[in-house]
Amino acid sequence: MCHTAPVVDRSFADPSLAALYDVLNPWGPGDDFYLGLVMSAQAVLDVGCGTGRLLTRARAEGHPGRLVGLDPAAAMLVRARGGERGVEWVLGDLRSRAWFGEFDLVVMTGHAFQVLLGDEELRLALHAVRAALCDGGHFVFETRNPAARPWETWTPKAVREVGYGDGTVRVWHEVEEPVLGERVTFTETFDRGHPQGPWTSRTTLRFLAPDTLSRFLAEAGLTVVEQYGDWGRGPLAPASPEIVTVARATAY
């Protein structure tokens, strides 16, 4: 089967911006949530692993089994490979690489699930996840809760400043209006005060409601067993910031 090559957002493909990723996204409660799951699994596939810090931490804390990180952005994997050589780092995505029953846990962190924009793209990815899992294995991921309308806070007025190297980086977002349906397109701008001006990347994310997520998962042979509204495993409510989904692979 012929697959379209993965499209990589500039903020992940550009080596300069990839180097900023962990600075802008420091380790937090979500990472702790996933680390606990990884440490209790024997074989783990991290889809959209980015700079690889989850699997790198797991190995550093003594995970004895198989750890595989998959990402379509070469710049991110360069950083991952520099941090931990005891992990299999694979360039590509779920449409370009296949595993069959090799993992008891597959994760997608950092809202990576939301870059699956089309129905067919989503179905292919979920079927690939199910194929990679052994019967009874688990697929765990999070999406932002559309009921909370988080994109309404993504405005140029909400500027973040973080220290980087010997300077400061200013970061802000701007949503392209109008927002129609499940897809939100926005720009992310990084300003380091460089004479050539700031860098800007453009991203589209898909916001799926819990019932829609469950339907797509069920089509692929994945049954939702838990959905949380936050990283403390709180109940999912309309104002919850996250939809953290735990799905189990049903037997073929």
C-alpha atoms as a PDB file:
ATOM      1  CA  MET A   1       0.000   0.000   0.000  1.00  0.00           C
ATOM      2  CA  CYS A   2       1.285   3.450  -0.881  1.00  0.00           C
ATOM      3  CA  HIS A   3       1.272   5.921   2.010  1.00  0.00           C
ATOM      4  CA  THR A   4       1.506   9.689   1.942  1.00  0.00           C
ATOM      5  CA  ALA A   5       4.666  10.943   3.591  1.00  0.00           C
ATOM      6  CA  PRO A   6       4.009  12.425   7.040  1.00  0.00           C
ATOM      7  CA  VAL A   7       3.737  16.202   7.221  1.00  0.00           C
ATOM      8  CA  VAL A   8       5.886  17.559  10.034  1.00  0.00           C
ATOM      9  CA  ASP A   9       5.072  20.843  11.727  1.00  0.00           C
ATOM     10  CA  ARG A  10       7.955  23.310  11.449  1.00  0.00           C
ATOM     11  CA  SER A  11       8.222  23.644  15.217  1.00  0.00           C
ATOM     12  CA  PHE A  12       9.250  19.965  15.306  1.00  0.00           C
ATOM     13  CA  ALA A  13      11.173  19.743  12.014  1.00  0.00           C
ATOM     14  CA  ASP A  14      13.437  22.773  12.475  1.00  0.00           C
ATOM     15  CA  PRO A  15      16.483  21.816  14.611  1.00  0.00           C
ATOM     16  CA  SER A  16      16.527  25.228  16.292  1.00  0.00           C
ATOM     17  CA  LEU A  17      12.896  24.937  17.302  1.00  0.00           C
ATOM     18  CA  ALA A  18      13.168  21.255  18.237  1.00  0.00           C
ATOM     19  CA  ALA A  19      15.852  22.273  20.720  1.00  0.00           C
ATOM     20  CA  LEU A  20      13.288  24.541  22.382  1.00  0.00           C
ATOM     21  CA  TYR A  21      10.664  21.843  22.811  1.00  0.00           C
ATOM     22  CA  ASP A  22      11.568  20.598  26.273  1.00  0.00           C
ATOM     23  CA  VAL A  23      12.216  24.152  27.482  1.00  0.00           C
ATOM     24  CA  LEU A  24       8.723  25.206  26.434  1.00  0.00           C
ATOM     25  CA  ASN A  25       7.161  21.951  27.650  1.00  0.00           C
ATOM     26  CA  PRO A  26       8.858  21.050  30.939  1.00  0.00           C
ATOM     27  CA  TRP A  27       8.186  17.749  32.675  1.00  0.00           C
ATOM     28  CA  GLY A  28       4.813  17.861  34.405  1.00  0.00           C
ATOM     29  CA  PRO A  29       1.913  15.812  35.820  1.00  0.00           C
ATOM     30  CA  GLY A  30       1.084  14.359  32.408  1.00  0.00           C
ATOM     31  CA  ASP A  31       4.596  12.978  32.088  1.00  0.00           C
ATOM     32  CA  ASP A  32       4.338  11.426  35.541  1.00  0.00           C
ATOM     33  CA  PHE A  33       1.027   9.816  34.536  1.00  0.00           C
ATOM     34  CA  TYR A  34       2.535   8.200  31.447  1.00  0.00           C
ATOM     35  CA  LEU A  35       5.770   7.226  33.181  1.00  0.00           C
ATOM     36  CA  GLY A  36       3.835   5.154  35.701  1.00  0.00           C
ATOM     37  CA  LEU A  37       2.122   3.279  32.876  1.00  0.00           C
ATOM     38  CA  VAL A  38       5.371   2.718  30.994  1.00  0.00           C
ATOM     39  CA  MET A  39       7.159   1.385  34.052  1.00  0.00           C
ATOM     40  CA  SER A  40       4.433  -1.225  34.565  1.00  0.00           C
ATOM     41  CA  ALA A  41       4.486  -2.457  30.945  1.00  0.00           C
ATOM     42  CA  GLN A  42       6.913  -4.914  29.381  1.00  0.00           C
ATOM     43  CA  ALA A  43       7.047  -3.555  25.813  1.00  0.00           C
ATOM     44  CA  VAL A  44       6.100   0.034  24.975  1.00  0.00           C
ATOM     45  CA  LEU A  45       5.618   1.977  21.749  1.00  0.00           C
ATOM     46  CA  ASP A  46       5.606   5.770  22.107  1.00  0.00           C
ATOM     47  CA  VAL A  47       3.971   7.231  18.985  1.00  0.00           C
ATOM     48  CA  GLY A  48       5.066  10.813  18.359  1.00  0.00           C
ATOM     49  CA  CYS A  49       7.836  10.453  20.924  1.00  0.00           C
ATOM     50  CA  GLY A  50       9.377  13.854  20.184  1.00  0.00           C
ATOM     51  CA  THR A  51      12.675  14.378  21.973  1.00  0.00           C
ATOM     52  CA  GLY A  52      12.207  11.008  23.670  1.00  0.00           C
ATOM     53  CA  ARG A  53      12.214  12.183  27.242  1.00  0.00           C
ATOM     54  CA  LEU A  54       9.483   9.773  28.418  1.00  0.00           C
ATOM     55  CA  LEU A  55      11.299   6.633  27.282  1.00  0.00           C
ATOM     56  CA  THR A  56      14.673   8.074  28.246  1.00  0.00           C
ATOM     57  CA  ARG A  57      13.393   8.630  31.797  1.00  0.00           C
ATOM     58  CA  ALA A  58      11.859   5.155  31.899  1.00  0.00           C
ATOM     59  CA  ARG A  59      15.149   3.541  30.935  1.00  0.00           C
ATOM     60  CA  ALA A  60      17.035   5.689  33.436  1.00  0.00           C
ATOM     61  CA  GLU A  61      14.645   4.542  36.168  1.00  0.00           C
ATOM     62  CA  GLY A  62      15.328   0.911  35.362  1.00  0.00           C
ATOM     63  CA  HIS A  63      12.748  -0.210  32.818  1.00  0.00           C
ATOM     64  CA  PRO A  64      14.109  -3.601  31.720  1.00  0.00           C
ATOM     65  CA  GLY A  65      11.958  -4.277  28.656  1.00  0.00           C
ATOM     66  CA  ARG A  66      11.576  -3.086  25.096  1.00  0.00           C
ATOM     67  CA  LEU A  67      11.091   0.650  24.488  1.00  0.00           C
ATOM     68  CA  VAL A  68      10.411   2.019  21.000  1.00  0.00           C
ATOM     69  CA  GLY A  69       9.998   5.686  20.108  1.00  0.00           C
ATOM     70  CA  LEU A  70       8.396   6.628  16.767  1.00  0.00           C
ATOM     71  CA  ASP A  71       8.371  10.145  15.328  1.00  0.00           C
ATOM     72  CA  PRO A  72       8.201  11.678  11.825  1.00  0.00           C
ATOM     73  CA  ALA A  73      10.468  14.620  12.729  1.00  0.00           C
ATOM     74  CA  ALA A  74      14.143  13.848  12.210  1.00  0.00           C
ATOM     75  CA  ALA A  75      15.211  16.882  14.253  1.00  0.00           C
ATOM     76  CA  MET A  76      13.363  15.572  17.293  1.00  0.00           C
ATOM     77  CA  LEU A  77      14.862  12.096  16.935  1.00  0.00           C
ATOM     78  CA  VAL A  78      18.372  13.525  16.703  1.00  0.00           C
ATOM     79  CA  ARG A  79      17.842  14.874  20.203  1.00  0.00           C
ATOM     80  CA  ALA A  80      16.259  11.623  21.377  1.00  0.00           C
ATOM     81  CA  ARG A  81      19.164   9.513  20.115  1.00  0.00           C
ATOM     82  CA  GLY A  82      21.617  11.810  21.849  1.00  0.00           C
ATOM     83  CA  GLY A  83      19.882  11.275  25.164  1.00  0.00           C
ATOM     84  CA  GLU A  84      19.444   7.502  25.317  1.00  0.00           C
ATOM     85  CA  ARG A  85      20.906   4.753  23.139  1.00  0.00           C
ATOM     86  CA  GLY A  86      19.086   1.941  24.928  1.00  0.00           C
ATOM     87  CA  VAL A  87      15.822   2.770  23.151  1.00  0.00           C
ATOM     88  CA  GLU A  88      14.798   1.934  19.570  1.00  0.00           C
ATOM     89  CA  TRP A  89      14.271   5.317  17.883  1.00  0.00           C
ATOM     90  CA  VAL A  90      12.347   4.982  14.611  1.00  0.00           C
ATOM     91  CA  LEU A  91      11.806   7.717  12.020  1.00  0.00           C
ATOM     92  CA  GLY A  92       8.302   7.566  10.536  1.00  0.00           C
ATOM     93  CA  ASP A  93       4.683   7.290  11.565  1.00  0.00           C
ATOM     94  CA  LEU A  94       1.986   4.658  11.974  1.00  0.00           C
ATOM     95  CA  ARG A  95       1.270   4.713   8.250  1.00  0.00           C
ATOM     96  CA  SER A  96       4.839   3.938   7.270  1.00  0.00           C
ATOM     97  CA  ARG A  97       5.896   1.360   9.857  1.00  0.00           C
ATOM     98  CA  ALA A  98       4.014  -1.745  11.011  1.00  0.00           C
ATOM     99  CA  TRP A  99       4.270  -3.910  14.125  1.00  0.00           C
ATOM    100  CA  PHE A 100       2.090  -6.926  14.930  1.00  0.00           C
ATOM    101  CA  GLY A 101       1.245  -7.890  18.503  1.00  0.00           C
ATOM    102  CA  GLU A 102       4.623  -6.749  19.819  1.00  0.00           C
ATOM    103  CA  PHE A 103       3.572  -4.312  22.555  1.00  0.00           C
ATOM    104  CA  ASP A 104       1.418  -4.388  25.648  1.00  0.00           C
ATOM    105  CA  LEU A 105       1.290  -0.574  25.795  1.00  0.00           C
ATOM    106  CA  VAL A 106       1.085   2.100  23.093  1.00  0.00           C
ATOM    107  CA  VAL A 107       1.017   5.766  24.115  1.00  0.00           C
ATOM    108  CA  MET A 108       0.554   9.063  22.299  1.00  0.00           C
ATOM    109  CA  THR A 109       1.521  11.990  24.517  1.00  0.00           C
ATOM    110  CA  GLY A 110       1.672  15.753  24.075  1.00  0.00           C
ATOM    111  CA  HIS A 111      -1.729  15.846  22.321  1.00  0.00           C
ATOM    112  CA  ALA A 112      -0.137  14.144  19.312  1.00  0.00           C
ATOM    113  CA  PHE A 113      -3.417  12.314  18.675  1.00  0.00           C
ATOM    114  CA  GLN A 114      -4.981  15.605  17.599  1.00  0.00           C
ATOM    115  CA  VAL A 115      -2.834  15.921  14.470  1.00  0.00           C
ATOM    116  CA  LEU A 116      -4.801  13.013  12.947  1.00  0.00           C
ATOM    117  CA  LEU A 117      -7.174  15.243  11.003  1.00  0.00           C
ATOM    118  CA  GLY A 118      -9.114  13.135   8.499  1.00  0.00           C
ATOM    119  CA  ASP A 119     -11.410  10.201   9.227  1.00  0.00           C
ATOM    120  CA  GLU A 120      -9.439   7.831   7.003  1.00  0.00           C
ATOM    121  CA  GLU A 121      -6.104   8.967   8.443  1.00  0.00           C
ATOM    122  CA  LEU A 122      -7.478   8.420  11.940  1.00  0.00           C
ATOM    123  CA  ARG A 123      -8.851   4.981  11.096  1.00  0.00           C
ATOM    124  CA  LEU A 124      -5.558   3.844   9.556  1.00  0.00           C
ATOM    125  CA  ALA A 125      -3.614   5.045  12.595  1.00  0.00           C
ATOM    126  CA  LEU A 126      -5.935   3.334  15.068  1.00  0.00           C
ATOM    127  CA  HIS A 127      -5.885   0.062  13.145  1.00  0.00           C
ATOM    128  CA  ALA A 128      -2.083   0.257  13.176  1.00  0.00           C
ATOM    129  CA  VAL A 129      -2.140   0.814  16.942  1.00  0.00           C
ATOM    130  CA  ARG A 130      -4.419  -2.203  17.401  1.00  0.00           C
ATOM    131  CA  ALA A 131      -2.156  -4.325  15.200  1.00  0.00           C
ATOM    132  CA  ALA A 132       0.887  -3.325  17.269  1.00  0.00           C
ATOM    133  CA  LEU A 133      -0.806  -4.362  20.522  1.00  0.00           C
ATOM    134  CA  CYS A 134      -1.117  -7.849  21.921  1.00  0.00           C
ATOM    135  CA  ASP A 135      -4.621  -8.941  22.924  1.00  0.00           C
ATOM    136  CA  GLY A 136      -5.486  -7.154  26.147  1.00  0.00           C
ATOM    137  CA  GLY A 137      -2.804  -4.507  25.642  1.00  0.00           C
ATOM    138  CA  HIS A 138      -3.621  -0.860  26.207  1.00  0.00           C
ATOM    139  CA  PHE A 139      -3.581   2.304  24.123  1.00  0.00           C
ATOM    140  CA  VAL A 140      -3.398   5.478  26.212  1.00  0.00           C
ATOM    141  CA  PHE A 141      -3.526   9.051  24.892  1.00  0.00           C
ATOM    142  CA  GLU A 142      -4.944  12.455  25.665  1.00  0.00           C
ATOM    143  CA  THR A 143      -6.797  15.106  23.702  1.00  0.00           C
ATOM    144  CA  ARG A 144      -7.884  18.565  24.753  1.00  0.00           C
ATOM    145  CA  ASN A 145     -11.538  18.685  25.702  1.00  0.00           C
ATOM    146  CA  PRO A 146     -13.534  20.541  23.021  1.00  0.00           C
ATOM    147  CA  ALA A 147     -16.308  21.322  25.520  1.00  0.00           C
ATOM    148  CA  ALA A 148     -13.831  23.535  27.411  1.00  0.00           C
ATOM    149  CA  ARG A 149     -12.993  25.465  24.197  1.00  0.00           C
ATOM    150  CA  PRO A 150      -9.288  25.896  25.095  1.00  0.00           C
ATOM    151  CA  TRP A 151      -8.447  27.632  21.800  1.00  0.00           C
ATOM    152  CA  GLU A 152     -10.282  30.736  23.004  1.00  0.00           C
ATOM    153  CA  THR A 153      -7.279  31.483  25.237  1.00  0.00           C
ATOM    154  CA  TRP A 154      -4.769  31.102  22.387  1.00  0.00           C
ATOM    155  CA  THR A 155      -4.314  34.777  21.581  1.00  0.00           C
ATOM    156  CA  PRO A 156      -1.306  37.034  20.931  1.00  0.00           C
ATOM    157  CA  LYS A 157      -2.022  38.697  24.270  1.00  0.00           C
ATOM    158  CA  ALA A 158      -1.090  35.480  26.081  1.00  0.00           C
ATOM    159  CA  VAL A 159       2.680  35.681  25.569  1.00  0.00           C
ATOM    160  CA  ARG A 160       5.002  33.229  27.301  1.00  0.00           C
ATOM    161  CA  GLU A 161       8.613  34.154  28.016  1.00  0.00           C
ATOM    162  CA  VAL A 162      11.158  31.446  28.763  1.00  0.00           C
ATOM    163  CA  GLY A 163      14.889  31.549  29.201  1.00  0.00           C
ATOM    164  CA  TYR A 164      16.845  29.825  26.462  1.00  0.00           C
ATOM    165  CA  GLY A 165      20.615  29.850  26.104  1.00  0.00           C
ATOM    166  CA  ASP A 166      21.821  33.318  27.002  1.00  0.00           C
ATOM    167  CA  GLY A 167      18.556  35.018  26.080  1.00  0.00           C
ATOM    168  CA  THR A 168      14.787  34.886  26.218  1.00  0.00           C
ATOM    169  CA  VAL A 169      12.232  33.423  23.830  1.00  0.00           C
ATOM    170  CA  ARG A 170       8.759  34.932  23.546  1.00  0.00           C
ATOM    171  CA  VAL A 171       6.033  32.568  22.316  1.00  0.00           C
ATOM    172  CA  TRP A 172       2.422  33.263  21.394  1.00  0.00           C
ATOM    173  CA  HIS A 173      -0.452  31.742  19.443  1.00  0.00           C
ATOM    174  CA  GLU A 174      -3.134  33.103  17.172  1.00  0.00           C
ATOM    175  CA  VAL A 175      -6.176  31.148  16.048  1.00  0.00           C
ATOM    176  CA  GLU A 176      -7.431  31.503  12.494  1.00  0.00           C
ATOM    177  CA  GLU A 177     -11.082  32.501  12.564  1.00  0.00           C
ATOM    178  CA  PRO A 178     -13.710  31.317  12.209  1.00  0.00           C
ATOM    179  CA  VAL A 179     -13.404  28.011  14.059  1.00  0.00           C
ATOM    180  CA  LEU A 180     -15.735  25.603  12.289  1.00  0.00           C
ATOM    181  CA  GLY A 181     -16.493  22.059  13.358  1.00  0.00           C
ATOM    182  CA  GLU A 182     -13.811  19.938  14.993  1.00  0.00           C
ATOM    183  CA  ARG A 183     -10.689  21.517  13.478  1.00  0.00           C
ATOM    184  CA  VAL A 184      -8.787  24.479  14.845  1.00  0.00           C
ATOM    185  CA  THR A 185      -5.945  26.070  12.864  1.00  0.00           C
ATOM    186  CA  PHE A 186      -3.503  28.400  14.575  1.00  0.00           C
ATOM    187  CA  THR A 187      -0.036  29.863  14.274  1.00  0.00           C
ATOM    188  CA  GLU A 188       2.689  29.612  16.892  1.00  0.00           C
ATOM    189  CA  THR A 189       5.325  32.340  16.846  1.00  0.00           C
ATOM    190  CA  PHE A 190       8.778  32.129  18.444  1.00  0.00           C
ATOM    191  CA  ASP A 191      10.625  35.414  18.907  1.00  0.00           C
ATOM    192  CA  ARG A 192      14.246  35.347  20.085  1.00  0.00           C
ATOM    193  CA  GLY A 193      14.961  38.895  19.053  1.00  0.00           C
ATOM    194  CA  HIS A 194      16.870  37.637  16.016  1.00  0.00           C
ATOM    195  CA  PRO A 195      17.637  40.214  13.290  1.00  0.00           C
ATOM    196  CA  GLN A 196      15.878  37.990  10.745  1.00  0.00           C
ATOM    197  CA  GLY A 197      12.690  38.206  12.776  1.00  0.00           C
ATOM    198  CA  PRO A 198      10.583  35.582  14.562  1.00  0.00           C
ATOM    199  CA  TRP A 199       9.788  32.055  13.377  1.00  0.00           C
ATOM    200  CA  THR A 200       6.183  31.069  12.811  1.00  0.00           C
ATOM    201  CA  SER A 201       4.665  27.629  12.362  1.00  0.00           C
ATOM    202  CA  ARG A 202       1.077  26.790  11.401  1.00  0.00           C
ATOM    203  CA  THR A 203      -0.799  23.840  12.860  1.00  0.00           C
ATOM    204  CA  THR A 204      -4.259  22.313  12.626  1.00  0.00           C
ATOM    205  CA  LEU A 205      -5.635  20.152  15.442  1.00  0.00           C
ATOM    206  CA  ARG A 206      -8.795  18.073  15.576  1.00  0.00           C
ATOM    207  CA  PHE A 207     -10.952  18.221  18.694  1.00  0.00           C
ATOM    208  CA  LEU A 208     -13.080  15.099  19.117  1.00  0.00           C
ATOM    209  CA  ALA A 209     -15.796  14.639  21.718  1.00  0.00           C
ATOM    210  CA  PRO A 210     -15.618  11.566  24.009  1.00  0.00           C
ATOM    211  CA  ASP A 211     -18.383   9.659  22.224  1.00  0.00           C
ATOM    212  CA  THR A 212     -16.744  10.220  18.850  1.00  0.00           C
ATOM    213  CA  LEU A 213     -13.397   9.057  20.205  1.00  0.00           C
ATOM    214  CA  SER A 214     -15.025   5.911  21.557  1.00  0.00           C
ATOM    215  CA  ARG A 215     -16.688   5.180  18.214  1.00  0.00           C
ATOM    216  CA  PHE A 216     -13.458   5.447  16.216  1.00  0.00           C
ATOM    217  CA  LEU A 217     -11.622   3.312  18.769  1.00  0.00           C
ATOM    218  CA  ALA A 218     -14.314   0.627  18.724  1.00  0.00           C
ATOM    219  CA  GLU A 219     -14.105   0.408  14.921  1.00  0.00           C
ATOM    220  CA  ALA A 220     -10.419  -0.466  15.295  1.00  0.00           C
ATOM    221  CA  GLY A 221     -10.930  -3.111  17.970  1.00  0.00           C
ATOM    222  CA  LEU A 222     -10.117  -0.870  20.926  1.00  0.00           C
ATOM    223  CA  THR A 223     -12.540  -0.590  23.848  1.00  0.00           C
ATOM    224  CA  VAL A 224     -12.512   2.450  26.141  1.00  0.00           C
ATOM    225  CA  VAL A 225     -12.074   1.297  29.744  1.00  0.00           C
ATOM    226  CA  GLU A 226     -11.342   4.662  31.393  1.00  0.00           C
ATOM    227  CA  GLN A 227     -11.618   8.355  30.507  1.00  0.00           C
ATOM    228  CA  TYR A 228     -10.299  11.015  32.866  1.00  0.00           C
ATOM    229  CA  GLY A 229     -10.659  14.787  32.856  1.00  0.00           C
ATOM    230  CA  ASP A 230      -7.215  15.546  34.267  1.00  0.00           C
ATOM    231  CA  TRP A 231      -3.884  13.981  35.147  1.00  0.00           C
ATOM    232  CA  GLY A 232      -5.057  13.222  38.677  1.00  0.00           C
ATOM    233  CA  ARG A 233      -7.592  10.768  37.209  1.00  0.00           C
ATOM    234  CA  GLY A 234     -10.486  13.070  38.025  1.00  0.00           C
ATOM    235  CA  PRO A 235     -13.864  12.464  36.339  1.00  0.00           C
ATOM    236  CA  LEU A 236     -14.439  13.820  32.849  1.00  0.00           C
ATOM    237  CA  ALA A 237     -16.719  16.889  32.960  1.00  0.00           C
ATOM    238  CA  PRO A 238     -17.572  19.667  30.467  1.00  0.00           C
ATOM    239  CA  ALA A 239     -14.993  22.002  32.018  1.00  0.00           C
ATOM    240  CA  SER A 240     -12.248  19.367  32.227  1.00  0.00           C
ATOM    241  CA  PRO A 241      -9.104  20.434  30.361  1.00  0.00           C
ATOM    242  CA  GLU A 242      -8.265  16.961  29.061  1.00  0.00           C
ATOM    243  CA  ILE A 243      -9.841  13.767  27.795  1.00  0.00           C
ATOM    244  CA  VAL A 244      -7.348  11.138  28.944  1.00  0.00           C
ATOM    245  CA  THR A 245      -8.388   7.869  27.331  1.00  0.00           C
ATOM    246  CA  VAL A 246      -7.364   4.337  28.260  1.00  0.00           C
ATOM    247  CA  ALA A 247      -8.476   1.754  25.677  1.00  0.00           C
ATOM    248  CA  ARG A 248      -7.956  -2.002  25.706  1.00  0.00           C
ATOM    249  CA  ALA A 249      -7.225  -4.109  22.628  1.00  0.00           C
ATOM    250  CA  THR A 250      -9.969  -6.701  22.174  1.00  0.00           C
ATOM    251  CA  ALA A 251      -9.142 -10.144  20.839  1.00  0.00           C
ATOM    252  CA  TYR A 252      -9.322 -10.623  17.073  1.00  0.00           C
END
